[in-house]
Amino acid sequence: MDKHEFEQFVTEHGKDILRFCRMNAGSTECGNELYQDTMVKLLEKQKKLDGAQNIKSYAMQTAILLWKNKKKKYAVRNRILPESSLEEYMEQGGLSGACEDEKTPEQQMLDQAEIEEVQAVVAALPEKYRMPVYLNFSAGMTMQEIAVCLHIPLSTVKTRMRKAKALLKEQLEAIGYDG
């Protein structure tokens, strides 16, 4: 893959990868950092990437592995020298952003609260269910692409998506969500 092909890839798929990174990381700041790390890693391996391969899937897989490494590093550091305030770390979770249409401020607040509730429920899913949901809805990947990206059979992806949907429905109904 040459420089022009890489730039074209970033132009076509960069937003999907960024959205996935932000959702996976739980915050805009951490997501941006993960996206940057992912793109740096892809840039380093640019010569080895083949345009015939599914580079978007490879990028998502790279982002997943980088995020897992960051979580492990954080866990080890926290065990060695605990963070003074866990609340500060937890406050970094969740995407923020207000609707930019012509709604009243009250409606915008309610909409944002609803979005944050749903995001919190999705973020609370076990990782094996959360990852296919993020890949499907934030990155726009098909079930087949998710299977390739996660190195699991297509039937497993379908089962996990079905189970995630059932868990989300159950948990959202439990908190009174009627969306």
N, C-alpha and C. Protein backbone atom coordinates (compact mmCIF):
# COMPACT_ATOMS: atom_id res chain seq x y z
N MET A 1 0.86 -1.16 0.00
CA MET A 1 0.00 0.00 0.00
C MET A 1 0.91 1.23 0.00
N ASP A 2 0.68 2.12 -0.95
CA ASP A 2 1.49 3.33 -1.01
C ASP A 2 0.82 4.47 -0.24
N LYS A 3 1.48 5.62 -0.24
CA LYS A 3 1.00 6.77 0.53
C LYS A 3 -0.38 7.22 0.07
N HIS A 4 -0.59 7.26 -1.24
CA HIS A 4 -1.88 7.70 -1.78
C HIS A 4 -3.01 6.75 -1.38
N GLU A 5 -2.76 5.45 -1.46
CA GLU A 5 -3.77 4.46 -1.06
C GLU A 5 -4.08 4.57 0.42
N PHE A 6 -3.06 4.83 1.24
CA PHE A 6 -3.28 4.98 2.67
C PHE A 6 -4.14 6.21 2.96
N GLU A 7 -3.84 7.32 2.29
CA GLU A 7 -4.64 8.54 2.46
C GLU A 7 -6.08 8.30 2.04
N GLN A 8 -6.27 7.57 0.95
CA GLN A 8 -7.62 7.25 0.47
C GLN A 8 -8.35 6.37 1.50
N PHE A 9 -7.64 5.41 2.07
CA PHE A 9 -8.22 4.55 3.10
C PHE A 9 -8.68 5.37 4.30
N VAL A 10 -7.83 6.29 4.76
CA VAL A 10 -8.18 7.13 5.91
C VAL A 10 -9.38 8.01 5.57
N THR A 11 -9.41 8.54 4.36
CA THR A 11 -10.54 9.38 3.95
C THR A 11 -11.84 8.59 3.93
N GLU A 12 -11.80 7.37 3.41
CA GLU A 12 -13.01 6.55 3.28
C GLU A 12 -13.46 5.95 4.61
N HIS A 13 -12.53 5.46 5.40
CA HIS A 13 -12.89 4.68 6.58
C HIS A 13 -12.48 5.31 7.91
N GLY A 14 -11.82 6.45 7.87
CA GLY A 14 -11.33 7.08 9.09
C GLY A 14 -12.41 7.40 10.10
N LYS A 15 -13.55 7.92 9.61
CA LYS A 15 -14.64 8.29 10.53
C LYS A 15 -15.21 7.06 11.24
N ASP A 16 -15.36 5.96 10.50
CA ASP A 16 -15.88 4.73 11.11
C ASP A 16 -14.92 4.21 12.18
N ILE A 17 -13.64 4.25 11.87
CA ILE A 17 -12.64 3.76 12.82
C ILE A 17 -12.59 4.66 14.05
N LEU A 18 -12.66 5.98 13.83
CA LEU A 18 -12.67 6.92 14.95
C LEU A 18 -13.89 6.70 15.84
N ARG A 19 -15.05 6.53 15.24
CA ARG A 19 -16.28 6.30 16.00
C ARG A 19 -16.15 5.02 16.82
N PHE A 20 -15.61 3.97 16.20
CA PHE A 20 -15.41 2.71 16.91
C PHE A 20 -14.44 2.90 18.08
N CYS A 21 -13.36 3.60 17.85
CA CYS A 21 -12.37 3.83 18.91
C CYS A 21 -12.98 4.59 20.08
N ARG A 22 -13.78 5.61 19.77
CA ARG A 22 -14.40 6.39 20.83
C ARG A 22 -15.39 5.55 21.63
N MET A 23 -16.17 4.74 20.94
CA MET A 23 -17.15 3.90 21.65
C MET A 23 -16.43 2.83 22.47
N ASN A 24 -15.41 2.26 21.90
CA ASN A 24 -14.68 1.21 22.60
C ASN A 24 -13.96 1.76 23.83
N ALA A 25 -13.36 2.94 23.69
CA ALA A 25 -12.62 3.53 24.79
C ALA A 25 -13.54 4.14 25.84
N GLY A 26 -14.73 4.54 25.45
CA GLY A 26 -15.67 5.07 26.43
C GLY A 26 -15.65 6.58 26.58
N SER A 27 -14.69 7.24 25.97
CA SER A 27 -14.66 8.70 26.04
C SER A 27 -14.03 9.25 24.76
N THR A 28 -14.35 10.49 24.48
CA THR A 28 -13.83 11.11 23.27
C THR A 28 -12.31 11.24 23.32
N GLU A 29 -11.80 11.68 24.45
CA GLU A 29 -10.36 11.88 24.59
C GLU A 29 -9.59 10.57 24.44
N CYS A 30 -10.01 9.55 25.16
CA CYS A 30 -9.33 8.25 25.07
C CYS A 30 -9.52 7.63 23.69
N GLY A 31 -10.70 7.84 23.11
CA GLY A 31 -10.98 7.33 21.77
C GLY A 31 -10.10 7.99 20.72
N ASN A 32 -9.90 9.30 20.85
CA ASN A 32 -9.02 10.00 19.91
C ASN A 32 -7.59 9.49 20.03
N GLU A 33 -7.16 9.24 21.26
CA GLU A 33 -5.81 8.72 21.48
C GLU A 33 -5.67 7.32 20.89
N LEU A 34 -6.69 6.49 21.10
CA LEU A 34 -6.68 5.14 20.54
C LEU A 34 -6.67 5.19 19.01
N TYR A 35 -7.46 6.08 18.43
CA TYR A 35 -7.50 6.25 16.97
C TYR A 35 -6.12 6.65 16.45
N GLN A 36 -5.50 7.60 17.13
CA GLN A 36 -4.18 8.06 16.71
C GLN A 36 -3.16 6.92 16.79
N ASP A 37 -3.19 6.17 17.88
CA ASP A 37 -2.28 5.03 18.03
C ASP A 37 -2.52 3.99 16.94
N THR A 38 -3.79 3.76 16.62
CA THR A 38 -4.14 2.79 15.58
C THR A 38 -3.60 3.24 14.23
N MET A 39 -3.79 4.50 13.91
CA MET A 39 -3.32 5.01 12.62
C MET A 39 -1.79 5.01 12.54
N VAL A 40 -1.13 5.31 13.66
CA VAL A 40 0.33 5.26 13.67
C VAL A 40 0.80 3.83 13.41
N LYS A 41 0.15 2.88 14.06
CA LYS A 41 0.50 1.46 13.87
C LYS A 41 0.29 1.05 12.41
N LEU A 42 -0.84 1.49 11.81
CA LEU A 42 -1.10 1.17 10.40
C LEU A 42 -0.07 1.84 9.49
N LEU A 43 0.30 3.06 9.82
CA LEU A 43 1.28 3.78 9.03
C LEU A 43 2.63 3.08 9.09
N GLU A 44 2.98 2.55 10.26
CA GLU A 44 4.23 1.81 10.40
C GLU A 44 4.23 0.56 9.54
N LYS A 45 3.06 -0.06 9.40
CA LYS A 45 2.95 -1.31 8.64
C LYS A 45 2.41 -1.07 7.24
N GLN A 46 2.42 0.17 6.80
CA GLN A 46 1.85 0.56 5.51
C GLN A 46 2.43 -0.25 4.35
N LYS A 47 3.71 -0.48 4.35
CA LYS A 47 4.36 -1.20 3.25
C LYS A 47 3.91 -2.66 3.18
N LYS A 48 3.57 -3.23 4.34
CA LYS A 48 3.17 -4.64 4.40
C LYS A 48 1.70 -4.84 4.08
N LEU A 49 0.90 -3.77 4.15
CA LEU A 49 -0.54 -3.89 3.91
C LEU A 49 -0.80 -4.06 2.42
N ASP A 50 -1.71 -4.95 2.12
CA ASP A 50 -2.08 -5.23 0.74
C ASP A 50 -3.47 -4.68 0.48
N GLY A 51 -3.63 -3.94 -0.59
CA GLY A 51 -4.91 -3.33 -0.93
C GLY A 51 -6.00 -4.36 -1.17
N ALA A 52 -5.64 -5.59 -1.49
CA ALA A 52 -6.64 -6.63 -1.75
C ALA A 52 -7.23 -7.17 -0.44
N GLN A 53 -6.52 -6.98 0.67
CA GLN A 53 -7.02 -7.44 1.96
C GLN A 53 -8.06 -6.46 2.49
N ASN A 54 -8.79 -6.89 3.50
CA ASN A 54 -9.76 -6.00 4.14
C ASN A 54 -9.01 -5.18 5.19
N ILE A 55 -8.54 -4.02 4.78
CA ILE A 55 -7.72 -3.19 5.66
C ILE A 55 -8.55 -2.60 6.79
N LYS A 56 -9.82 -2.32 6.52
CA LYS A 56 -10.69 -1.77 7.57
C LYS A 56 -10.80 -2.77 8.72
N SER A 57 -10.98 -4.03 8.38
CA SER A 57 -11.07 -5.07 9.40
C SER A 57 -9.76 -5.16 10.18
N TYR A 58 -8.65 -5.06 9.47
CA TYR A 58 -7.34 -5.09 10.11
C TYR A 58 -7.18 -3.90 11.06
N ALA A 59 -7.66 -2.73 10.63
CA ALA A 59 -7.57 -1.53 11.47
C ALA A 59 -8.40 -1.70 12.74
N MET A 60 -9.60 -2.25 12.60
CA MET A 60 -10.46 -2.48 13.77
C MET A 60 -9.79 -3.46 14.73
N GLN A 61 -9.22 -4.50 14.16
CA GLN A 61 -8.55 -5.50 14.98
C GLN A 61 -7.35 -4.87 15.71
N THR A 62 -6.62 -4.03 15.02
CA THR A 62 -5.49 -3.32 15.63
C THR A 62 -5.97 -2.45 16.78
N ALA A 63 -7.08 -1.73 16.56
CA ALA A 63 -7.63 -0.87 17.61
C ALA A 63 -8.04 -1.69 18.83
N ILE A 64 -8.66 -2.85 18.60
CA ILE A 64 -9.07 -3.72 19.70
C ILE A 64 -7.85 -4.18 20.51
N LEU A 65 -6.82 -4.63 19.81
CA LEU A 65 -5.62 -5.11 20.49
C LEU A 65 -4.92 -3.99 21.25
N LEU A 66 -4.83 -2.81 20.65
CA LEU A 66 -4.21 -1.68 21.34
C LEU A 66 -5.00 -1.31 22.59
N TRP A 67 -6.34 -1.34 22.50
CA TRP A 67 -7.16 -1.00 23.65
C TRP A 67 -6.99 -2.03 24.77
N LYS A 68 -6.95 -3.31 24.40
CA LYS A 68 -6.74 -4.34 25.41
C LYS A 68 -5.39 -4.14 26.11
N ASN A 69 -4.37 -3.79 25.33
CA ASN A 69 -3.05 -3.55 25.92
C ASN A 69 -3.09 -2.37 26.88
N LYS A 70 -3.80 -1.30 26.51
CA LYS A 70 -3.91 -0.13 27.39
C LYS A 70 -4.64 -0.50 28.68
N LYS A 71 -5.70 -1.31 28.58
CA LYS A 71 -6.43 -1.72 29.78
C LYS A 71 -5.54 -2.55 30.69
N LYS A 72 -4.77 -3.46 30.11
CA LYS A 72 -3.86 -4.28 30.91
C LYS A 72 -2.82 -3.39 31.60
N LYS A 73 -2.27 -2.45 30.84
CA LYS A 73 -1.26 -1.55 31.40
C LYS A 73 -1.84 -0.74 32.55
N TYR A 74 -3.07 -0.26 32.38
CA TYR A 74 -3.73 0.51 33.44
C TYR A 74 -3.94 -0.37 34.67
N ALA A 75 -4.38 -1.61 34.46
CA ALA A 75 -4.64 -2.51 35.58
C ALA A 75 -3.36 -2.80 36.36
N VAL A 76 -2.27 -3.03 35.65
CA VAL A 76 -0.99 -3.30 36.31
C VAL A 76 -0.53 -2.08 37.09
N ARG A 77 -0.61 -0.92 36.48
CA ARG A 77 -0.19 0.31 37.16
C ARG A 77 -1.06 0.57 38.39
N ASN A 78 -2.34 0.30 38.26
CA ASN A 78 -3.26 0.54 39.37
C ASN A 78 -2.98 -0.43 40.53
N ARG A 79 -2.54 -1.64 40.21
CA ARG A 79 -2.19 -2.59 41.26
C ARG A 79 -0.91 -2.18 41.97
N ILE A 80 0.03 -1.68 41.19
CA ILE A 80 1.31 -1.27 41.77
C ILE A 80 1.16 0.01 42.58
N LEU A 81 0.53 1.01 41.99
CA LEU A 81 0.34 2.30 42.65
C LEU A 81 -1.08 2.75 42.37
N PRO A 82 -2.02 2.48 43.29
CA PRO A 82 -3.42 2.80 43.04
C PRO A 82 -3.63 4.29 42.75
N GLU A 83 -4.56 4.52 41.84
CA GLU A 83 -4.92 5.89 41.48
C GLU A 83 -5.60 6.55 42.68
N SER A 84 -5.33 7.82 42.90
CA SER A 84 -5.87 8.50 44.08
C SER A 84 -7.38 8.61 44.01
N SER A 85 -7.93 8.72 42.83
CA SER A 85 -9.38 8.88 42.72
C SER A 85 -9.92 8.05 41.56
N LEU A 86 -10.57 6.96 41.89
CA LEU A 86 -11.16 6.13 40.85
C LEU A 86 -12.30 6.86 40.16
N GLU A 87 -12.95 7.77 40.87
CA GLU A 87 -14.06 8.53 40.27
C GLU A 87 -13.59 9.32 39.06
N GLU A 88 -12.38 9.89 39.12
CA GLU A 88 -11.85 10.65 37.98
C GLU A 88 -11.75 9.76 36.75
N TYR A 89 -11.27 8.55 36.93
CA TYR A 89 -11.15 7.62 35.81
C TYR A 89 -12.53 7.23 35.27
N MET A 90 -13.46 6.98 36.17
CA MET A 90 -14.79 6.56 35.73
C MET A 90 -15.53 7.70 35.03
N GLU A 91 -15.27 8.94 35.42
CA GLU A 91 -15.92 10.08 34.79
C GLU A 91 -15.49 10.24 33.34
N GLN A 92 -14.37 9.66 32.96
CA GLN A 92 -13.91 9.75 31.59
C GLN A 92 -14.74 8.88 30.65
N GLY A 93 -15.51 7.95 31.18
CA GLY A 93 -16.33 7.06 30.37
C GLY A 93 -17.53 7.77 29.79
N GLY A 94 -18.05 7.23 28.68
CA GLY A 94 -19.25 7.78 28.05
C GLY A 94 -18.93 8.86 27.06
N LEU A 95 -19.63 8.80 25.97
CA LEU A 95 -19.45 9.82 24.94
C LEU A 95 -20.29 11.03 25.28
N SER A 96 -19.79 12.19 24.95
CA SER A 96 -20.58 13.39 25.19
C SER A 96 -20.78 14.11 23.88
N GLY A 97 -21.83 14.83 23.81
CA GLY A 97 -22.14 15.58 22.61
C GLY A 97 -23.61 15.90 22.60
N ALA A 98 -23.94 17.10 22.25
CA ALA A 98 -25.34 17.50 22.27
C ALA A 98 -25.89 17.50 20.86
N CYS A 99 -27.19 17.35 20.76
CA CYS A 99 -27.86 17.39 19.47
C CYS A 99 -27.79 18.82 18.95
N GLU A 100 -27.57 18.97 17.68
CA GLU A 100 -27.42 20.30 17.10
C GLU A 100 -28.65 20.71 16.29
N ASP A 101 -29.80 20.15 16.59
CA ASP A 101 -30.99 20.56 15.86
C ASP A 101 -31.77 21.57 16.68
N GLU A 102 -33.00 21.87 16.27
CA GLU A 102 -33.77 22.94 16.89
C GLU A 102 -34.64 22.45 18.03
N LYS A 103 -34.08 21.73 18.96
CA LYS A 103 -34.81 21.26 20.13
C LYS A 103 -34.58 22.24 21.27
N THR A 104 -35.51 22.22 22.20
CA THR A 104 -35.35 23.07 23.37
C THR A 104 -34.19 22.55 24.22
N PRO A 105 -33.61 23.39 25.03
CA PRO A 105 -32.52 22.91 25.90
C PRO A 105 -32.96 21.76 26.80
N GLU A 106 -34.22 21.81 27.26
CA GLU A 106 -34.72 20.73 28.11
C GLU A 106 -34.77 19.42 27.33
N GLN A 107 -35.25 19.49 26.09
CA GLN A 107 -35.34 18.28 25.26
C GLN A 107 -33.94 17.76 24.93
N GLN A 108 -33.02 18.66 24.68
CA GLN A 108 -31.64 18.25 24.41
C GLN A 108 -31.04 17.54 25.62
N MET A 109 -31.32 18.05 26.81
CA MET A 109 -30.82 17.42 28.04
C MET A 109 -31.42 16.03 28.22
N LEU A 110 -32.73 15.91 27.97
CA LEU A 110 -33.39 14.61 28.09
C LEU A 110 -32.83 13.63 27.07
N ASP A 111 -32.66 14.09 25.84
CA ASP A 111 -32.10 13.23 24.79
C ASP A 111 -30.69 12.78 25.16
N GLN A 112 -29.88 13.70 25.65
CA GLN A 112 -28.51 13.36 26.03
C GLN A 112 -28.51 12.36 27.19
N ALA A 113 -29.39 12.56 28.15
CA ALA A 113 -29.47 11.63 29.28
C ALA A 113 -29.88 10.24 28.80
N GLU A 114 -30.80 10.19 27.85
CA GLU A 114 -31.25 8.92 27.29
C GLU A 114 -30.10 8.23 26.55
N ILE A 115 -29.37 8.99 25.76
CA ILE A 115 -28.22 8.43 25.03
C ILE A 115 -27.20 7.88 26.01
N GLU A 116 -26.93 8.63 27.06
CA GLU A 116 -25.94 8.19 28.05
C GLU A 116 -26.40 6.94 28.78
N GLU A 117 -27.71 6.82 29.03
CA GLU A 117 -28.24 5.61 29.67
C GLU A 117 -28.00 4.40 28.78
N VAL A 118 -28.33 4.53 27.51
CA VAL A 118 -28.16 3.42 26.57
C VAL A 118 -26.67 3.08 26.44
N GLN A 119 -25.82 4.09 26.32
CA GLN A 119 -24.38 3.85 26.21
C GLN A 119 -23.84 3.15 27.45
N ALA A 120 -24.35 3.52 28.61
CA ALA A 120 -23.89 2.89 29.85
C ALA A 120 -24.29 1.41 29.88
N VAL A 121 -25.50 1.12 29.40
CA VAL A 121 -25.96 -0.28 29.37
C VAL A 121 -25.12 -1.07 28.37
N VAL A 122 -24.84 -0.49 27.20
CA VAL A 122 -24.02 -1.18 26.21
C VAL A 122 -22.60 -1.38 26.76
N ALA A 123 -22.06 -0.36 27.40
CA ALA A 123 -20.70 -0.45 27.96
C ALA A 123 -20.62 -1.50 29.07
N ALA A 124 -21.74 -1.78 29.73
CA ALA A 124 -21.75 -2.76 30.81
C ALA A 124 -21.85 -4.20 30.30
N LEU A 125 -22.11 -4.37 29.01
CA LEU A 125 -22.17 -5.72 28.45
C LEU A 125 -20.81 -6.39 28.57
N PRO A 126 -20.79 -7.71 28.71
CA PRO A 126 -19.50 -8.40 28.68
C PRO A 126 -18.81 -8.13 27.33
N GLU A 127 -17.49 -8.10 27.35
CA GLU A 127 -16.74 -7.71 26.16
C GLU A 127 -17.07 -8.56 24.93
N LYS A 128 -17.32 -9.85 25.13
CA LYS A 128 -17.59 -10.70 23.97
C LYS A 128 -18.90 -10.32 23.28
N TYR A 129 -19.82 -9.66 23.98
CA TYR A 129 -21.06 -9.18 23.36
C TYR A 129 -20.92 -7.72 22.92
N ARG A 130 -20.18 -6.94 23.69
CA ARG A 130 -20.04 -5.51 23.41
C ARG A 130 -19.27 -5.27 22.11
N MET A 131 -18.20 -6.03 21.88
CA MET A 131 -17.34 -5.80 20.72
C MET A 131 -18.10 -5.96 19.39
N PRO A 132 -18.86 -7.03 19.17
CA PRO A 132 -19.62 -7.12 17.91
C PRO A 132 -20.65 -6.00 17.76
N VAL A 133 -21.26 -5.58 18.88
CA VAL A 133 -22.24 -4.48 18.82
C VAL A 133 -21.54 -3.20 18.36
N TYR A 134 -20.40 -2.88 18.96
CA TYR A 134 -19.65 -1.69 18.56
C TYR A 134 -19.23 -1.77 17.09
N LEU A 135 -18.69 -2.92 16.70
CA LEU A 135 -18.24 -3.06 15.31
C LEU A 135 -19.39 -2.92 14.33
N ASN A 136 -20.55 -3.44 14.69
CA ASN A 136 -21.70 -3.37 13.79
C ASN A 136 -22.29 -1.98 13.73
N PHE A 137 -22.52 -1.37 14.87
CA PHE A 137 -23.25 -0.11 14.89
C PHE A 137 -22.36 1.12 14.77
N SER A 138 -21.15 1.08 15.29
CA SER A 138 -20.31 2.28 15.19
C SER A 138 -19.43 2.25 13.95
N ALA A 139 -18.96 1.07 13.58
CA ALA A 139 -18.06 0.98 12.43
C ALA A 139 -18.80 0.56 11.16
N GLY A 140 -20.05 0.16 11.29
CA GLY A 140 -20.84 -0.21 10.13
C GLY A 140 -20.38 -1.49 9.45
N MET A 141 -19.77 -2.37 10.20
CA MET A 141 -19.29 -3.62 9.62
C MET A 141 -20.41 -4.65 9.55
N THR A 142 -20.35 -5.50 8.53
CA THR A 142 -21.32 -6.57 8.39
C THR A 142 -20.94 -7.71 9.33
N MET A 143 -21.86 -8.65 9.50
CA MET A 143 -21.60 -9.80 10.37
C MET A 143 -20.37 -10.57 9.86
N GLN A 144 -20.26 -10.72 8.55
CA GLN A 144 -19.14 -11.45 7.97
C GLN A 144 -17.82 -10.73 8.26
N GLU A 145 -17.81 -9.41 8.11
CA GLU A 145 -16.60 -8.63 8.39
C GLU A 145 -16.22 -8.71 9.87
N ILE A 146 -17.21 -8.72 10.74
CA ILE A 146 -16.95 -8.84 12.18
C ILE A 146 -16.32 -10.20 12.47
N ALA A 147 -16.84 -11.24 11.84
CA ALA A 147 -16.29 -12.58 12.04
C ALA A 147 -14.82 -12.64 11.63
N VAL A 148 -14.50 -12.02 10.51
CA VAL A 148 -13.11 -12.00 10.04
C VAL A 148 -12.24 -11.19 11.00
N CYS A 149 -12.74 -10.05 11.42
CA CYS A 149 -11.99 -9.15 12.30
C CYS A 149 -11.70 -9.79 13.65
N LEU A 150 -12.67 -10.48 14.22
CA LEU A 150 -12.50 -11.08 15.55
C LEU A 150 -11.99 -12.52 15.51
N HIS A 151 -11.81 -13.04 14.30
CA HIS A 151 -11.34 -14.42 14.12
C HIS A 151 -12.26 -15.44 14.79
N ILE A 152 -13.56 -15.27 14.56
CA ILE A 152 -14.54 -16.21 15.09
C ILE A 152 -15.51 -16.57 13.97
N PRO A 153 -16.20 -17.71 14.08
CA PRO A 153 -17.15 -18.10 13.03
C PRO A 153 -18.33 -17.12 12.93
N LEU A 154 -18.90 -17.05 11.74
CA LEU A 154 -20.04 -16.17 11.48
C LEU A 154 -21.20 -16.52 12.41
N SER A 155 -21.43 -17.81 12.63
CA SER A 155 -22.54 -18.22 13.50
C SER A 155 -22.33 -17.71 14.93
N THR A 156 -21.09 -17.65 15.37
CA THR A 156 -20.80 -17.12 16.71
C THR A 156 -21.12 -15.63 16.78
N VAL A 157 -20.78 -14.90 15.72
CA VAL A 157 -21.10 -13.47 15.68
C VAL A 157 -22.61 -13.27 15.76
N LYS A 158 -23.35 -14.05 14.98
CA LYS A 158 -24.81 -13.93 14.98
C LYS A 158 -25.39 -14.25 16.35
N THR A 159 -24.86 -15.29 16.98
CA THR A 159 -25.34 -15.68 18.31
C THR A 159 -25.04 -14.59 19.33
N ARG A 160 -23.84 -14.04 19.27
CA ARG A 160 -23.47 -12.99 20.22
C ARG A 160 -24.30 -11.73 20.01
N MET A 161 -24.59 -11.40 18.77
CA MET A 161 -25.42 -10.22 18.49
C MET A 161 -26.84 -10.45 19.02
N ARG A 162 -27.36 -11.64 18.80
CA ARG A 162 -28.70 -11.97 19.28
C ARG A 162 -28.75 -11.92 20.81
N LYS A 163 -27.74 -12.49 21.45
CA LYS A 163 -27.67 -12.49 22.91
C LYS A 163 -27.50 -11.07 23.44
N ALA A 164 -26.66 -10.27 22.77
CA ALA A 164 -26.46 -8.87 23.19
C ALA A 164 -27.77 -8.10 23.08
N LYS A 165 -28.50 -8.33 22.01
CA LYS A 165 -29.78 -7.64 21.82
C LYS A 165 -30.75 -8.01 22.94
N ALA A 166 -30.79 -9.30 23.29
CA ALA A 166 -31.68 -9.75 24.36
C ALA A 166 -31.26 -9.14 25.70
N LEU A 167 -29.96 -9.13 25.98
CA LEU A 167 -29.47 -8.54 27.23
C LEU A 167 -29.78 -7.05 27.29
N LEU A 168 -29.56 -6.35 26.18
CA LEU A 168 -29.84 -4.92 26.14
C LEU A 168 -31.32 -4.64 26.37
N LYS A 169 -32.16 -5.42 25.70
CA LYS A 169 -33.60 -5.23 25.85
C LYS A 169 -34.02 -5.44 27.31
N GLU A 170 -33.51 -6.50 27.90
CA GLU A 170 -33.84 -6.83 29.29
C GLU A 170 -33.38 -5.72 30.24
N GLN A 171 -32.15 -5.27 30.07
CA GLN A 171 -31.60 -4.26 30.97
C GLN A 171 -32.25 -2.89 30.76
N LEU A 172 -32.56 -2.55 29.52
CA LEU A 172 -33.20 -1.26 29.26
C LEU A 172 -34.64 -1.25 29.78
N GLU A 173 -35.33 -2.37 29.66
CA GLU A 173 -36.69 -2.45 30.21
C GLU A 173 -36.65 -2.36 31.73
N ALA A 174 -35.61 -2.94 32.33
CA ALA A 174 -35.48 -2.92 33.79
C ALA A 174 -35.30 -1.49 34.33
N ILE A 175 -34.67 -0.63 33.55
CA ILE A 175 -34.48 0.75 34.02
C ILE A 175 -35.58 1.68 33.50
N GLY A 176 -36.56 1.10 32.81
CA GLY A 176 -37.71 1.89 32.38
C GLY A 176 -37.53 2.60 31.05
N TYR A 177 -36.56 2.19 30.27
CA TYR A 177 -36.35 2.81 28.96
C TYR A 177 -37.43 2.32 28.01
N ASP A 178 -38.06 3.25 27.29
CA ASP A 178 -39.15 2.87 26.39
C ASP A 178 -38.86 3.24 24.94
N GLY A 179 -37.61 3.61 24.64
CA GLY A 179 -37.21 4.10 23.33
C GLY A 179 -37.40 3.09 22.29
